[in-house]
Amino acid sequence: MYGLVSVQPDGNTINGITYYQHGETPGLGGEIENPNWAGLFKGKNFSMNNINRLSIL
């Protein structure tokens, strides 16, 4: 799954997320295409544990 995360100027708060490529199956995995699901992340804080991994807090 490949996507983008937009952060607010503070660098710690999610402004939005979107996925541009995925191989998820319909059902729960397909929810990543649902704008309501993506909206659940707006305003959440996050931290970068390492360059390849993102943790939503």
N, C-alpha and C. Protein backbone atom coordinates (compact mmCIF):
# COMPACT_ATOMS: atom_id res chain seq x y z
N MET A 1 0.85 -1.15 0.00
CA MET A 1 0.00 0.00 0.00
C MET A 1 0.90 1.23 0.00
N TYR A 2 0.59 2.19 -0.85
CA TYR A 2 1.35 3.42 -0.97
C TYR A 2 0.41 4.60 -0.82
N GLY A 3 0.81 5.58 -0.03
CA GLY A 3 -0.05 6.72 0.18
C GLY A 3 0.74 7.95 0.60
N LEU A 4 0.00 8.99 0.85
CA LEU A 4 0.58 10.27 1.25
C LEU A 4 -0.09 10.73 2.54
N VAL A 5 0.69 11.37 3.38
CA VAL A 5 0.18 11.97 4.61
C VAL A 5 0.52 13.45 4.57
N SER A 6 -0.49 14.28 4.73
CA SER A 6 -0.29 15.72 4.81
C SER A 6 -0.30 16.11 6.28
N VAL A 7 0.68 16.91 6.69
CA VAL A 7 0.74 17.35 8.08
C VAL A 7 0.57 18.86 8.17
N GLN A 8 0.09 19.29 9.31
CA GLN A 8 -0.07 20.72 9.56
C GLN A 8 1.31 21.34 9.83
N PRO A 9 1.41 22.67 9.83
CA PRO A 9 2.70 23.33 10.01
C PRO A 9 3.47 22.93 11.27
N ASP A 10 2.77 22.43 12.29
CA ASP A 10 3.49 22.01 13.49
C ASP A 10 4.32 20.75 13.26
N GLY A 11 4.08 20.07 12.13
CA GLY A 11 4.85 18.88 11.78
C GLY A 11 4.45 17.63 12.53
N ASN A 12 3.46 17.71 13.40
CA ASN A 12 3.05 16.57 14.22
C ASN A 12 1.58 16.21 14.10
N THR A 13 0.80 17.02 13.43
CA THR A 13 -0.64 16.80 13.35
C THR A 13 -1.04 16.48 11.92
N ILE A 14 -1.79 15.40 11.75
CA ILE A 14 -2.21 14.98 10.42
C ILE A 14 -3.29 15.91 9.90
N ASN A 15 -3.10 16.37 8.67
CA ASN A 15 -4.08 17.19 7.99
C ASN A 15 -4.97 16.32 7.10
N GLY A 16 -4.40 15.27 6.53
CA GLY A 16 -5.16 14.36 5.68
C GLY A 16 -4.29 13.21 5.21
N ILE A 17 -4.94 12.14 4.75
CA ILE A 17 -4.23 11.00 4.18
C ILE A 17 -4.93 10.57 2.91
N THR A 18 -4.17 9.98 2.00
CA THR A 18 -4.74 9.39 0.79
C THR A 18 -3.83 8.27 0.33
N TYR A 19 -4.42 7.29 -0.31
CA TYR A 19 -3.65 6.17 -0.86
C TYR A 19 -3.77 6.22 -2.37
N TYR A 20 -2.65 6.06 -3.07
CA TYR A 20 -2.68 6.08 -4.53
C TYR A 20 -2.44 4.71 -5.14
N GLN A 21 -2.06 3.73 -4.34
CA GLN A 21 -1.89 2.37 -4.84
C GLN A 21 -2.04 1.39 -3.69
N HIS A 22 -2.84 0.35 -3.92
CA HIS A 22 -2.98 -0.68 -2.90
C HIS A 22 -3.44 -1.98 -3.54
N GLY A 23 -3.24 -3.05 -2.84
CA GLY A 23 -3.68 -4.36 -3.28
C GLY A 23 -4.64 -4.98 -2.28
N GLU A 24 -5.33 -4.12 -1.54
CA GLU A 24 -6.25 -4.60 -0.52
C GLU A 24 -7.49 -5.22 -1.16
N THR A 25 -8.03 -6.22 -0.50
CA THR A 25 -9.24 -6.88 -0.98
C THR A 25 -10.46 -6.05 -0.59
N PRO A 26 -11.59 -6.27 -1.29
CA PRO A 26 -12.82 -5.58 -0.90
C PRO A 26 -13.19 -5.95 0.54
N GLY A 27 -14.02 -5.19 1.13
CA GLY A 27 -14.39 -5.42 2.54
C GLY A 27 -13.59 -4.48 3.41
N LEU A 28 -13.07 -4.99 4.51
CA LEU A 28 -12.33 -4.13 5.44
C LEU A 28 -11.12 -3.49 4.78
N GLY A 29 -10.36 -4.24 3.99
CA GLY A 29 -9.18 -3.68 3.33
C GLY A 29 -9.54 -2.57 2.35
N GLY A 30 -10.69 -2.70 1.71
CA GLY A 30 -11.14 -1.69 0.76
C GLY A 30 -11.58 -0.39 1.40
N GLU A 31 -11.71 -0.37 2.70
CA GLU A 31 -12.13 0.84 3.41
C GLU A 31 -11.14 1.98 3.23
N ILE A 32 -9.90 1.69 2.84
CA ILE A 32 -8.94 2.77 2.67
C ILE A 32 -9.35 3.72 1.55
N GLU A 33 -10.30 3.31 0.69
CA GLU A 33 -10.81 4.19 -0.36
C GLU A 33 -12.01 5.02 0.12
N ASN A 34 -12.49 4.77 1.31
CA ASN A 34 -13.64 5.46 1.85
C ASN A 34 -13.20 6.79 2.47
N PRO A 35 -13.69 7.94 1.94
CA PRO A 35 -13.29 9.24 2.49
C PRO A 35 -13.63 9.40 3.98
N ASN A 36 -14.70 8.76 4.43
CA ASN A 36 -15.05 8.85 5.86
C ASN A 36 -13.99 8.18 6.72
N TRP A 37 -13.44 7.06 6.24
CA TRP A 37 -12.38 6.36 6.97
C TRP A 37 -11.13 7.23 7.01
N ALA A 38 -10.75 7.78 5.87
CA ALA A 38 -9.56 8.63 5.81
C ALA A 38 -9.72 9.85 6.72
N GLY A 39 -10.94 10.36 6.84
CA GLY A 39 -11.20 11.51 7.69
C GLY A 39 -10.98 11.26 9.18
N LEU A 40 -10.96 9.99 9.57
CA LEU A 40 -10.74 9.66 10.98
C LEU A 40 -9.35 10.05 11.47
N PHE A 41 -8.42 10.24 10.54
CA PHE A 41 -7.04 10.54 10.92
C PHE A 41 -6.77 12.03 11.06
N LYS A 42 -7.63 12.87 10.50
CA LYS A 42 -7.42 14.31 10.56
C LYS A 42 -7.39 14.78 12.01
N GLY A 43 -6.35 15.54 12.35
CA GLY A 43 -6.20 16.07 13.70
C GLY A 43 -5.44 15.16 14.65
N LYS A 44 -5.16 13.92 14.21
CA LYS A 44 -4.40 12.99 15.06
C LYS A 44 -2.93 13.38 15.06
N ASN A 45 -2.26 13.12 16.16
CA ASN A 45 -0.82 13.34 16.25
C ASN A 45 -0.09 12.08 15.82
N PHE A 46 1.10 12.24 15.28
CA PHE A 46 1.89 11.10 14.88
C PHE A 46 3.36 11.34 15.17
N SER A 47 4.12 10.26 15.16
CA SER A 47 5.57 10.37 15.31
C SER A 47 6.22 9.40 14.34
N MET A 48 7.38 9.75 13.84
CA MET A 48 8.13 8.88 12.94
C MET A 48 9.07 8.04 13.78
N ASN A 49 8.81 6.72 13.82
CA ASN A 49 9.69 5.81 14.55
C ASN A 49 10.98 5.56 13.77
N ASN A 50 10.86 5.45 12.47
CA ASN A 50 12.02 5.37 11.58
C ASN A 50 11.55 5.77 10.20
N ILE A 51 12.42 5.80 9.25
CA ILE A 51 12.10 6.32 7.93
C ILE A 51 11.00 5.55 7.21
N ASN A 52 10.80 4.28 7.53
CA ASN A 52 9.83 3.45 6.82
C ASN A 52 8.54 3.18 7.58
N ARG A 53 8.41 3.71 8.77
CA ARG A 53 7.27 3.36 9.60
C ARG A 53 6.65 4.60 10.23
N LEU A 54 5.34 4.66 10.24
CA LEU A 54 4.60 5.78 10.79
C LEU A 54 3.68 5.27 11.88
N SER A 55 3.70 5.90 13.03
CA SER A 55 2.79 5.53 14.12
C SER A 55 1.78 6.63 14.33
N ILE A 56 0.50 6.28 14.31
CA ILE A 56 -0.57 7.23 14.59
C ILE A 56 -0.88 7.11 16.08
N LEU A 57 -0.85 8.23 16.78
CA LEU A 57 -1.09 8.22 18.23
C LEU A 57 -2.49 8.71 18.55
